[in-house]
Amino acid sequence: MDISSSNISEAIVSSLDSQILVLDSTGIVKYAKQSAECHFGYLEDMPESVRGINYLEYCLKIREEGNETAGVIHDGLKDLFQDKISIFQWEYTCIQSDMQK
């Protein structure tokens, strides 16, 4: 059996009870745990698959439409990417009734 480090990493992340997005330094979603899709319910027109989108730009767009939560997320991620802070964490509430966080 050939077990690669990426398979092990995927197994570890999949076992977590958290919604996880991995972004590159420009805000592009490189990885989205499948259950992470549920938290996008607060963003009305978020694509079903988030991999490959620029999450930072998307949050900015939604902030400009009046979504304060997206603004907090945008600002926190921007500060993180610019090394103004060392950690940014945001806890989402899954609003879809058929999914549990």
PDB file of N, CA and C in Angstrom:
ATOM      1  N   MET A   1       0.839  -1.180   0.000  1.00  0.00           N
ATOM      2  CA  MET A   1       0.000   0.000   0.000  1.00  0.00           C
ATOM      3  C   MET A   1       0.887   1.248   0.000  1.00  0.00           C
ATOM      4  N   ASP A   2       0.637   2.127  -0.953  1.00  0.00           N
ATOM      5  CA  ASP A   2       1.418   3.356  -1.080  1.00  0.00           C
ATOM      6  C   ASP A   2       0.651   4.498  -0.426  1.00  0.00           C
ATOM      7  N   ILE A   3       1.179   5.014   0.672  1.00  0.00           N
ATOM      8  CA  ILE A   3       0.531   6.112   1.386  1.00  0.00           C
ATOM      9  C   ILE A   3       1.389   7.352   1.223  1.00  0.00           C
ATOM     10  N   SER A   4       0.837   8.350   0.549  1.00  0.00           N
ATOM     11  CA  SER A   4       1.578   9.594   0.346  1.00  0.00           C
ATOM     12  C   SER A   4       1.247  10.585   1.454  1.00  0.00           C
ATOM     13  N   SER A   5       2.099  11.574   1.594  1.00  0.00           N
ATOM     14  CA  SER A   5       1.849  12.596   2.614  1.00  0.00           C
ATOM     15  C   SER A   5       0.577  13.380   2.304  1.00  0.00           C
ATOM     16  N   SER A   6       0.248  13.560   1.026  1.00  0.00           N
ATOM     17  CA  SER A   6      -0.989  14.276   0.696  1.00  0.00           C
ATOM     18  C   SER A   6      -2.212  13.453   1.082  1.00  0.00           C
ATOM     19  N   ASN A   7      -2.135  12.122   0.941  1.00  0.00           N
ATOM     20  CA  ASN A   7      -3.246  11.271   1.378  1.00  0.00           C
ATOM     21  C   ASN A   7      -3.415  11.332   2.885  1.00  0.00           C
ATOM     22  N   ILE A   8      -2.316  11.340   3.605  1.00  0.00           N
ATOM     23  CA  ILE A   8      -2.371  11.428   5.058  1.00  0.00           C
ATOM     24  C   ILE A   8      -2.937  12.781   5.479  1.00  0.00           C
ATOM     25  N   SER A   9      -2.468  13.840   4.846  1.00  0.00           N
ATOM     26  CA  SER A   9      -2.975  15.180   5.170  1.00  0.00           C
ATOM     27  C   SER A   9      -4.468  15.271   4.904  1.00  0.00           C
ATOM     28  N   GLU A  10      -4.904  14.737   3.772  1.00  0.00           N
ATOM     29  CA  GLU A  10      -6.329  14.754   3.418  1.00  0.00           C
ATOM     30  C   GLU A  10      -7.140  13.987   4.466  1.00  0.00           C
ATOM     31  N   ALA A  11      -6.640  12.846   4.894  1.00  0.00           N
ATOM     32  CA  ALA A  11      -7.345  12.042   5.894  1.00  0.00           C
ATOM     33  C   ALA A  11      -7.456  12.789   7.221  1.00  0.00           C
ATOM     34  N   ILE A  12      -6.397  13.465   7.607  1.00  0.00           N
ATOM     35  CA  ILE A  12      -6.411  14.225   8.866  1.00  0.00           C
ATOM     36  C   ILE A  12      -7.414  15.368   8.782  1.00  0.00           C
ATOM     37  N   VAL A  13      -7.355  16.135   7.707  1.00  0.00           N
ATOM     38  CA  VAL A  13      -8.262  17.272   7.553  1.00  0.00           C
ATOM     39  C   VAL A  13      -9.708  16.793   7.475  1.00  0.00           C
ATOM     40  N   SER A  14      -9.950  15.704   6.763  1.00  0.00           N
ATOM     41  CA  SER A  14     -11.310  15.182   6.623  1.00  0.00           C
ATOM     42  C   SER A  14     -11.889  14.719   7.945  1.00  0.00           C
ATOM     43  N   SER A  15     -11.033  14.294   8.857  1.00  0.00           N
ATOM     44  CA  SER A  15     -11.518  13.800  10.146  1.00  0.00           C
ATOM     45  C   SER A  15     -11.879  14.929  11.112  1.00  0.00           C
ATOM     46  N   LEU A  16     -11.468  16.149  10.827  1.00  0.00           N
ATOM     47  CA  LEU A  16     -11.749  17.274  11.713  1.00  0.00           C
ATOM     48  C   LEU A  16     -13.207  17.697  11.608  1.00  0.00           C
ATOM     49  N   ASP A  17     -13.727  18.237  12.689  1.00  0.00           N
ATOM     50  CA  ASP A  17     -15.114  18.674  12.733  1.00  0.00           C
ATOM     51  C   ASP A  17     -15.237  20.151  12.345  1.00  0.00           C
ATOM     52  N   SER A  18     -14.285  20.656  11.630  1.00  0.00           N
ATOM     53  CA  SER A  18     -14.256  22.073  11.275  1.00  0.00           C
ATOM     54  C   SER A  18     -14.441  22.259   9.777  1.00  0.00           C
ATOM     55  N   GLN A  19     -14.950  23.424   9.402  1.00  0.00           N
ATOM     56  CA  GLN A  19     -15.007  23.818   8.003  1.00  0.00           C
ATOM     57  C   GLN A  19     -13.681  24.477   7.703  1.00  0.00           C
ATOM     58  N   ILE A  20     -13.004  23.984   6.664  1.00  0.00           N
ATOM     59  CA  ILE A  20     -11.648  24.439   6.404  1.00  0.00           C
ATOM     60  C   ILE A  20     -11.497  24.889   4.958  1.00  0.00           C
ATOM     61  N   LEU A  21     -10.923  26.072   4.794  1.00  0.00           N
ATOM     62  CA  LEU A  21     -10.501  26.569   3.487  1.00  0.00           C
ATOM     63  C   LEU A  21      -9.012  26.827   3.576  1.00  0.00           C
ATOM     64  N   VAL A  22      -8.298  26.475   2.523  1.00  0.00           N
ATOM     65  CA  VAL A  22      -6.880  26.800   2.438  1.00  0.00           C
ATOM     66  C   VAL A  22      -6.732  27.776   1.280  1.00  0.00           C
ATOM     67  N   LEU A  23      -6.192  28.953   1.602  1.00  0.00           N
ATOM     68  CA  LEU A  23      -6.016  29.998   0.604  1.00  0.00           C
ATOM     69  C   LEU A  23      -4.536  30.203   0.356  1.00  0.00           C
ATOM     70  N   ASP A  24      -4.198  30.607  -0.872  1.00  0.00           N
ATOM     71  CA  ASP A  24      -2.819  31.027  -1.100  1.00  0.00           C
ATOM     72  C   ASP A  24      -2.694  32.489  -0.679  1.00  0.00           C
ATOM     73  N   SER A  25      -1.525  33.056  -0.811  1.00  0.00           N
ATOM     74  CA  SER A  25      -1.278  34.416  -0.309  1.00  0.00           C
ATOM     75  C   SER A  25      -2.005  35.499  -1.089  1.00  0.00           C
ATOM     76  N   THR A  26      -2.640  35.139  -2.200  1.00  0.00           N
ATOM     77  CA  THR A  26      -3.425  36.120  -2.947  1.00  0.00           C
ATOM     78  C   THR A  26      -4.917  35.980  -2.695  1.00  0.00           C
ATOM     79  N   GLY A  27      -5.310  34.963  -1.912  1.00  0.00           N
ATOM     80  CA  GLY A  27      -6.721  34.764  -1.594  1.00  0.00           C
ATOM     81  C   GLY A  27      -7.400  33.670  -2.406  1.00  0.00           C
ATOM     82  N   ILE A  28      -6.674  33.006  -3.290  1.00  0.00           N
ATOM     83  CA  ILE A  28      -7.263  31.938  -4.103  1.00  0.00           C
ATOM     84  C   ILE A  28      -7.479  30.704  -3.232  1.00  0.00           C
ATOM     85  N   VAL A  29      -8.691  30.122  -3.296  1.00  0.00           N
ATOM     86  CA  VAL A  29      -8.993  28.910  -2.543  1.00  0.00           C
ATOM     87  C   VAL A  29      -8.297  27.739  -3.230  1.00  0.00           C
ATOM     88  N   LYS A  30      -7.358  27.136  -2.518  1.00  0.00           N
ATOM     89  CA  LYS A  30      -6.611  25.983  -3.029  1.00  0.00           C
ATOM     90  C   LYS A  30      -7.221  24.673  -2.568  1.00  0.00           C
ATOM     91  N   TYR A  31      -7.881  24.695  -1.427  1.00  0.00           N
ATOM     92  CA  TYR A  31      -8.513  23.494  -0.880  1.00  0.00           C
ATOM     93  C   TYR A  31      -9.740  23.923  -0.088  1.00  0.00           C
ATOM     94  N   ALA A  32     -10.812  23.188  -0.246  1.00  0.00           N
ATOM     95  CA  ALA A  32     -12.009  23.407   0.558  1.00  0.00           C
ATOM     96  C   ALA A  32     -12.519  22.056   1.021  1.00  0.00           C
ATOM     97  N   LYS A  33     -12.533  21.859   2.319  1.00  0.00           N
ATOM     98  CA  LYS A  33     -13.125  20.648   2.863  1.00  0.00           C
ATOM     99  C   LYS A  33     -14.585  20.649   2.458  1.00  0.00           C
ATOM    100  N   GLN A  34     -15.100  19.522   2.014  1.00  0.00           N
ATOM    101  CA  GLN A  34     -16.462  19.483   1.486  1.00  0.00           C
ATOM    102  C   GLN A  34     -17.481  20.103   2.427  1.00  0.00           C
ATOM    103  N   SER A  35     -17.369  19.841   3.705  1.00  0.00           N
ATOM    104  CA  SER A  35     -18.337  20.408   4.635  1.00  0.00           C
ATOM    105  C   SER A  35     -18.183  21.918   4.787  1.00  0.00           C
ATOM    106  N   ALA A  36     -17.095  22.470   4.275  1.00  0.00           N
ATOM    107  CA  ALA A  36     -16.909  23.920   4.352  1.00  0.00           C
ATOM    108  C   ALA A  36     -17.906  24.651   3.473  1.00  0.00           C
ATOM    109  N   GLU A  37     -18.452  23.964   2.488  1.00  0.00           N
ATOM    110  CA  GLU A  37     -19.398  24.613   1.584  1.00  0.00           C
ATOM    111  C   GLU A  37     -20.604  25.170   2.337  1.00  0.00           C
ATOM    112  N   CYS A  38     -20.990  24.547   3.465  1.00  0.00           N
ATOM    113  CA  CYS A  38     -22.208  24.984   4.152  1.00  0.00           C
ATOM    114  C   CYS A  38     -22.088  26.403   4.678  1.00  0.00           C
ATOM    115  N   HIS A  39     -20.904  26.848   5.060  1.00  0.00           N
ATOM    116  CA  HIS A  39     -20.799  28.172   5.664  1.00  0.00           C
ATOM    117  C   HIS A  39     -20.995  29.289   4.660  1.00  0.00           C
ATOM    118  N   PHE A  40     -20.970  28.968   3.383  1.00  0.00           N
ATOM    119  CA  PHE A  40     -21.144  30.019   2.391  1.00  0.00           C
ATOM    120  C   PHE A  40     -22.598  30.421   2.215  1.00  0.00           C
ATOM    121  N   GLY A  41     -23.488  29.824   2.996  1.00  0.00           N
ATOM    122  CA  GLY A  41     -24.895  30.175   2.897  1.00  0.00           C
ATOM    123  C   GLY A  41     -25.164  31.644   3.171  1.00  0.00           C
ATOM    124  N   TYR A  42     -24.303  32.300   3.935  1.00  0.00           N
ATOM    125  CA  TYR A  42     -24.522  33.720   4.212  1.00  0.00           C
ATOM    126  C   TYR A  42     -24.128  34.589   3.026  1.00  0.00           C
ATOM    127  N   LEU A  43     -23.442  33.999   2.061  1.00  0.00           N
ATOM    128  CA  LEU A  43     -23.073  34.729   0.849  1.00  0.00           C
ATOM    129  C   LEU A  43     -23.993  34.244  -0.260  1.00  0.00           C
ATOM    130  N   GLU A  44     -24.989  35.033  -0.570  1.00  0.00           N
ATOM    131  CA  GLU A  44     -26.112  34.611  -1.382  1.00  0.00           C
ATOM    132  C   GLU A  44     -25.750  33.954  -2.713  1.00  0.00           C
ATOM    133  N   ASP A  45     -24.785  34.495  -3.434  1.00  0.00           N
ATOM    134  CA  ASP A  45     -24.497  33.970  -4.766  1.00  0.00           C
ATOM    135  C   ASP A  45     -23.137  33.287  -4.853  1.00  0.00           C
ATOM    136  N   MET A  46     -22.658  32.741  -3.724  1.00  0.00           N
ATOM    137  CA  MET A  46     -21.375  32.040  -3.730  1.00  0.00           C
ATOM    138  C   MET A  46     -21.497  30.784  -4.578  1.00  0.00           C
ATOM    139  N   PRO A  47     -20.514  30.516  -5.430  1.00  0.00           N
ATOM    140  CA  PRO A  47     -20.570  29.305  -6.247  1.00  0.00           C
ATOM    141  C   PRO A  47     -20.576  28.056  -5.378  1.00  0.00           C
ATOM    142  N   GLU A  48     -21.201  26.984  -5.896  1.00  0.00           N
ATOM    143  CA  GLU A  48     -21.263  25.735  -5.134  1.00  0.00           C
ATOM    144  C   GLU A  48     -19.868  25.197  -4.848  1.00  0.00           C
ATOM    145  N   SER A  49     -18.998  25.261  -5.822  1.00  0.00           N
ATOM    146  CA  SER A  49     -17.620  24.835  -5.617  1.00  0.00           C
ATOM    147  C   SER A  49     -16.750  26.075  -5.474  1.00  0.00           C
ATOM    148  N   VAL A  50     -16.040  26.170  -4.367  1.00  0.00           N
ATOM    149  CA  VAL A  50     -15.279  27.380  -4.106  1.00  0.00           C
ATOM    150  C   VAL A  50     -13.815  27.285  -4.510  1.00  0.00           C
ATOM    151  N   ARG A  51     -13.346  26.084  -4.822  1.00  0.00           N
ATOM    152  CA  ARG A  51     -11.933  25.930  -5.184  1.00  0.00           C
ATOM    153  C   ARG A  51     -11.629  26.751  -6.440  1.00  0.00           C
ATOM    154  N   GLY A  52     -10.595  27.565  -6.349  1.00  0.00           N
ATOM    155  CA  GLY A  52     -10.168  28.365  -7.490  1.00  0.00           C
ATOM    156  C   GLY A  52     -10.670  29.801  -7.484  1.00  0.00           C
ATOM    157  N   ILE A  53     -11.645  30.102  -6.636  1.00  0.00           N
ATOM    158  CA  ILE A  53     -12.106  31.491  -6.592  1.00  0.00           C
ATOM    159  C   ILE A  53     -11.188  32.309  -5.697  1.00  0.00           C
ATOM    160  N   ASN A  54     -11.197  33.621  -5.884  1.00  0.00           N
ATOM    161  CA  ASN A  54     -10.443  34.498  -4.997  1.00  0.00           C
ATOM    162  C   ASN A  54     -11.386  34.904  -3.870  1.00  0.00           C
ATOM    163  N   TYR A  55     -11.212  34.253  -2.741  1.00  0.00           N
ATOM    164  CA  TYR A  55     -12.092  34.459  -1.599  1.00  0.00           C
ATOM    165  C   TYR A  55     -11.961  35.865  -1.039  1.00  0.00           C
ATOM    166  N   LEU A  56     -10.773  36.418  -1.079  1.00  0.00           N
ATOM    167  CA  LEU A  56     -10.549  37.776  -0.595  1.00  0.00           C
ATOM    168  C   LEU A  56     -11.343  38.775  -1.437  1.00  0.00           C
ATOM    169  N   GLU A  57     -11.269  38.644  -2.741  1.00  0.00           N
ATOM    170  CA  GLU A  57     -12.024  39.533  -3.632  1.00  0.00           C
ATOM    171  C   GLU A  57     -13.523  39.334  -3.468  1.00  0.00           C
ATOM    172  N   TYR A  58     -13.929  38.082  -3.289  1.00  0.00           N
ATOM    173  CA  TYR A  58     -15.350  37.812  -3.125  1.00  0.00           C
ATOM    174  C   TYR A  58     -15.882  38.461  -1.849  1.00  0.00           C
ATOM    175  N   CYS A  59     -15.135  38.349  -0.746  1.00  0.00           N
ATOM    176  CA  CYS A  59     -15.560  38.981   0.499  1.00  0.00           C
ATOM    177  C   CYS A  59     -15.633  40.497   0.353  1.00  0.00           C
ATOM    178  N   LEU A  60     -14.698  41.072  -0.390  1.00  0.00           N
ATOM    179  CA  LEU A  60     -14.724  42.510  -0.640  1.00  0.00           C
ATOM    180  C   LEU A  60     -15.988  42.901  -1.403  1.00  0.00           C
ATOM    181  N   LYS A  61     -16.326  42.130  -2.415  1.00  0.00           N
ATOM    182  CA  LYS A  61     -17.528  42.403  -3.212  1.00  0.00           C
ATOM    183  C   LYS A  61     -18.777  42.369  -2.339  1.00  0.00           C
ATOM    184  N   ILE A  62     -18.875  41.357  -1.497  1.00  0.00           N
ATOM    185  CA  ILE A  62     -20.048  41.222  -0.642  1.00  0.00           C
ATOM    186  C   ILE A  62     -20.072  42.320   0.429  1.00  0.00           C
ATOM    187  N   ARG A  63     -18.904  42.700   0.927  1.00  0.00           N
ATOM    188  CA  ARG A  63     -18.855  43.809   1.895  1.00  0.00           C
ATOM    189  C   ARG A  63     -19.402  45.077   1.255  1.00  0.00           C
ATOM    190  N   GLU A  64     -19.031  45.323   0.016  1.00  0.00           N
ATOM    191  CA  GLU A  64     -19.501  46.519  -0.682  1.00  0.00           C
ATOM    192  C   GLU A  64     -21.017  46.500  -0.874  1.00  0.00           C
ATOM    193  N   GLU A  65     -21.614  45.297  -0.813  1.00  0.00           N
ATOM    194  CA  GLU A  65     -23.069  45.166  -0.913  1.00  0.00           C
ATOM    195  C   GLU A  65     -23.732  45.239   0.458  1.00  0.00           C
ATOM    196  N   GLY A  66     -22.934  45.481   1.514  1.00  0.00           N
ATOM    197  CA  GLY A  66     -23.493  45.682   2.837  1.00  0.00           C
ATOM    198  C   GLY A  66     -23.350  44.532   3.814  1.00  0.00           C
ATOM    199  N   ASN A  67     -22.649  43.470   3.461  1.00  0.00           N
ATOM    200  CA  ASN A  67     -22.480  42.336   4.366  1.00  0.00           C
ATOM    201  C   ASN A  67     -21.286  42.601   5.290  1.00  0.00           C
ATOM    202  N   GLU A  68     -21.574  42.949   6.535  1.00  0.00           N
ATOM    203  CA  GLU A  68     -20.524  43.312   7.483  1.00  0.00           C
ATOM    204  C   GLU A  68     -19.620  42.131   7.830  1.00  0.00           C
ATOM    205  N   THR A  69     -20.188  40.920   7.898  1.00  0.00           N
ATOM    206  CA  THR A  69     -19.385  39.735   8.211  1.00  0.00           C
ATOM    207  C   THR A  69     -18.309  39.530   7.157  1.00  0.00           C
ATOM    208  N   ALA A  70     -18.672  39.657   5.904  1.00  0.00           N
ATOM    209  CA  ALA A  70     -17.701  39.495   4.826  1.00  0.00           C
ATOM    210  C   ALA A  70     -16.603  40.555   4.925  1.00  0.00           C
ATOM    211  N   GLY A  71     -16.961  41.743   5.379  1.00  0.00           N
ATOM    212  CA  GLY A  71     -15.971  42.799   5.555  1.00  0.00           C
ATOM    213  C   GLY A  71     -14.962  42.473   6.639  1.00  0.00           C
ATOM    214  N   VAL A  72     -15.436  41.918   7.746  1.00  0.00           N
ATOM    215  CA  VAL A  72     -14.530  41.523   8.826  1.00  0.00           C
ATOM    216  C   VAL A  72     -13.581  40.437   8.331  1.00  0.00           C
ATOM    217  N   ILE A  73     -14.117  39.472   7.597  1.00  0.00           N
ATOM    218  CA  ILE A  73     -13.292  38.377   7.061  1.00  0.00           C
ATOM    219  C   ILE A  73     -12.271  38.926   6.070  1.00  0.00           C
ATOM    220  N   HIS A  74     -12.698  39.782   5.163  1.00  0.00           N
ATOM    221  CA  HIS A  74     -11.793  40.378   4.181  1.00  0.00           C
ATOM    222  C   HIS A  74     -10.652  41.100   4.872  1.00  0.00           C
ATOM    223  N   ASP A  75     -10.996  41.959   5.836  1.00  0.00           N
ATOM    224  CA  ASP A  75      -9.972  42.758   6.505  1.00  0.00           C
ATOM    225  C   ASP A  75      -8.998  41.880   7.291  1.00  0.00           C
ATOM    226  N   GLY A  76      -9.531  40.856   7.966  1.00  0.00           N
ATOM    227  CA  GLY A  76      -8.670  39.961   8.728  1.00  0.00           C
ATOM    228  C   GLY A  76      -7.713  39.189   7.839  1.00  0.00           C
ATOM    229  N   LEU A  77      -8.223  38.665   6.727  1.00  0.00           N
ATOM    230  CA  LEU A  77      -7.355  37.930   5.799  1.00  0.00           C
ATOM    231  C   LEU A  77      -6.327  38.850   5.152  1.00  0.00           C
ATOM    232  N   LYS A  78      -6.755  40.040   4.782  1.00  0.00           N
ATOM    233  CA  LYS A  78      -5.816  40.995   4.175  1.00  0.00           C
ATOM    234  C   LYS A  78      -4.682  41.323   5.142  1.00  0.00           C
ATOM    235  N   ASP A  79      -5.028  41.567   6.401  1.00  0.00           N
ATOM    236  CA  ASP A  79      -4.000  41.838   7.409  1.00  0.00           C
ATOM    237  C   ASP A  79      -3.066  40.643   7.586  1.00  0.00           C
ATOM    238  N   LEU A  80      -3.618  39.446   7.545  1.00  0.00           N
ATOM    239  CA  LEU A  80      -2.799  38.240   7.660  1.00  0.00           C
ATOM    240  C   LEU A  80      -1.835  38.124   6.487  1.00  0.00           C
ATOM    241  N   PHE A  81      -2.338  38.327   5.291  1.00  0.00           N
ATOM    242  CA  PHE A  81      -1.501  38.209   4.086  1.00  0.00           C
ATOM    243  C   PHE A  81      -0.424  39.289   4.026  1.00  0.00           C
ATOM    244  N   GLN A  82      -0.685  40.428   4.662  1.00  0.00           N
ATOM    245  CA  GLN A  82       0.295  41.513   4.691  1.00  0.00           C
ATOM    246  C   GLN A  82       1.167  41.470   5.948  1.00  0.00           C
ATOM    247  N   ASP A  83       1.122  40.357   6.659  1.00  0.00           N
ATOM    248  CA  ASP A  83       1.923  40.143   7.875  1.00  0.00           C
ATOM    249  C   ASP A  83       1.680  41.179   8.964  1.00  0.00           C
ATOM    250  N   LYS A  84       0.501  41.770   8.989  1.00  0.00           N
ATOM    251  CA  LYS A  84       0.151  42.701  10.059  1.00  0.00           C
ATOM    252  C   LYS A  84      -0.296  41.943  11.304  1.00  0.00           C
ATOM    253  N   ILE A  85      -0.805  40.727  11.106  1.00  0.00           N
ATOM    254  CA  ILE A  85      -1.189  39.839  12.200  1.00  0.00           C
ATOM    255  C   ILE A  85      -0.647  38.457  11.880  1.00  0.00           C
ATOM    256  N   SER A  86      -0.504  37.626  12.905  1.00  0.00           N
ATOM    257  CA  SER A  86       0.061  36.291  12.673  1.00  0.00           C
ATOM    258  C   SER A  86      -1.000  35.213  12.560  1.00  0.00           C
ATOM    259  N   ILE A  87      -2.191  35.467  13.057  1.00  0.00           N
ATOM    260  CA  ILE A  87      -3.274  34.477  13.006  1.00  0.00           C
ATOM    261  C   ILE A  87      -4.583  35.201  12.707  1.00  0.00           C
ATOM    262  N   PHE A  88      -5.392  34.611  11.840  1.00  0.00           N
ATOM    263  CA  PHE A  88      -6.764  35.087  11.655  1.00  0.00           C
ATOM    264  C   PHE A  88      -7.665  33.873  11.690  1.00  0.00           C
ATOM    265  N   GLN A  89      -8.683  33.951  12.510  1.00  0.00           N
ATOM    266  CA  GLN A  89      -9.621  32.846  12.645  1.00  0.00           C
ATOM    267  C   GLN A  89     -11.021  33.404  12.684  1.00  0.00           C
ATOM    268  N   TRP A  90     -11.929  32.741  12.000  1.00  0.00           N
ATOM    269  CA  TRP A  90     -13.317  33.155  12.022  1.00  0.00           C
ATOM    270  C   TRP A  90     -14.170  31.908  12.126  1.00  0.00           C
ATOM    271  N   GLU A  91     -15.090  31.894  13.067  1.00  0.00           N
ATOM    272  CA  GLU A  91     -15.969  30.745  13.221  1.00  0.00           C
ATOM    273  C   GLU A  91     -17.285  31.024  12.511  1.00  0.00           C
ATOM    274  N   TYR A  92     -17.584  30.173  11.552  1.00  0.00           N
ATOM    275  CA  TYR A  92     -18.813  30.287  10.785  1.00  0.00           C
ATOM    276  C   TYR A  92     -19.904  29.462  11.433  1.00  0.00           C
ATOM    277  N   THR A  93     -21.126  29.900  11.261  1.00  0.00           N
ATOM    278  CA  THR A  93     -22.270  29.113  11.671  1.00  0.00           C
ATOM    279  C   THR A  93     -22.892  28.525  10.415  1.00  0.00           C
ATOM    280  N   CYS A  94     -23.059  27.220  10.418  1.00  0.00           N
ATOM    281  CA  CYS A  94     -23.678  26.552   9.285  1.00  0.00           C
ATOM    282  C   CYS A  94     -25.172  26.820   9.349  1.00  0.00           C
ATOM    283  N   ILE A  95     -25.708  27.495   8.336  1.00  0.00           N
ATOM    284  CA  ILE A  95     -27.111  27.897   8.393  1.00  0.00           C
ATOM    285  C   ILE A  95     -28.038  26.951   7.644  1.00  0.00           C
ATOM    286  N   GLN A  96     -27.490  25.952   6.984  1.00  0.00           N
ATOM    287  CA  GLN A  96     -28.326  24.999   6.280  1.00  0.00           C
ATOM    288  C   GLN A  96     -28.863  23.982   7.282  1.00  0.00           C
ATOM    289  N   SER A  97     -30.179  23.829   7.334  1.00  0.00           N
ATOM    290  CA  SER A  97     -30.776  22.993   8.350  1.00  0.00           C
ATOM    291  C   SER A  97     -30.434  21.510   8.205  1.00  0.00           C
ATOM    292  N   ASP A  98     -30.079  21.057   7.022  1.00  0.00           N
ATOM    293  CA  ASP A  98     -29.786  19.643   6.823  1.00  0.00           C
ATOM    294  C   ASP A  98     -28.308  19.321   7.043  1.00  0.00           C
ATOM    295  N   MET A  99     -27.519  20.297   7.438  1.00  0.00           N
ATOM    296  CA  MET A  99     -26.092  20.057   7.668  1.00  0.00           C
ATOM    297  C   MET A  99     -25.756  20.445   9.092  1.00  0.00           C
ATOM    298  N   GLN A 100     -24.832  19.717   9.682  1.00  0.00           N
ATOM    299  CA  GLN A 100     -24.382  20.040  11.021  1.00  0.00           C
ATOM    300  C   GLN A 100     -22.949  20.507  10.963  1.00  0.00           C
ATOM    301  N   LYS A 101     -22.616  21.392  11.842  1.00  0.00           N
ATOM    302  CA  LYS A 101     -21.239  21.884  11.935  1.00  0.00           C
ATOM    303  C   LYS A 101     -20.442  20.949  12.799  1.00  0.00           C
TER     304      LYS A 101
END
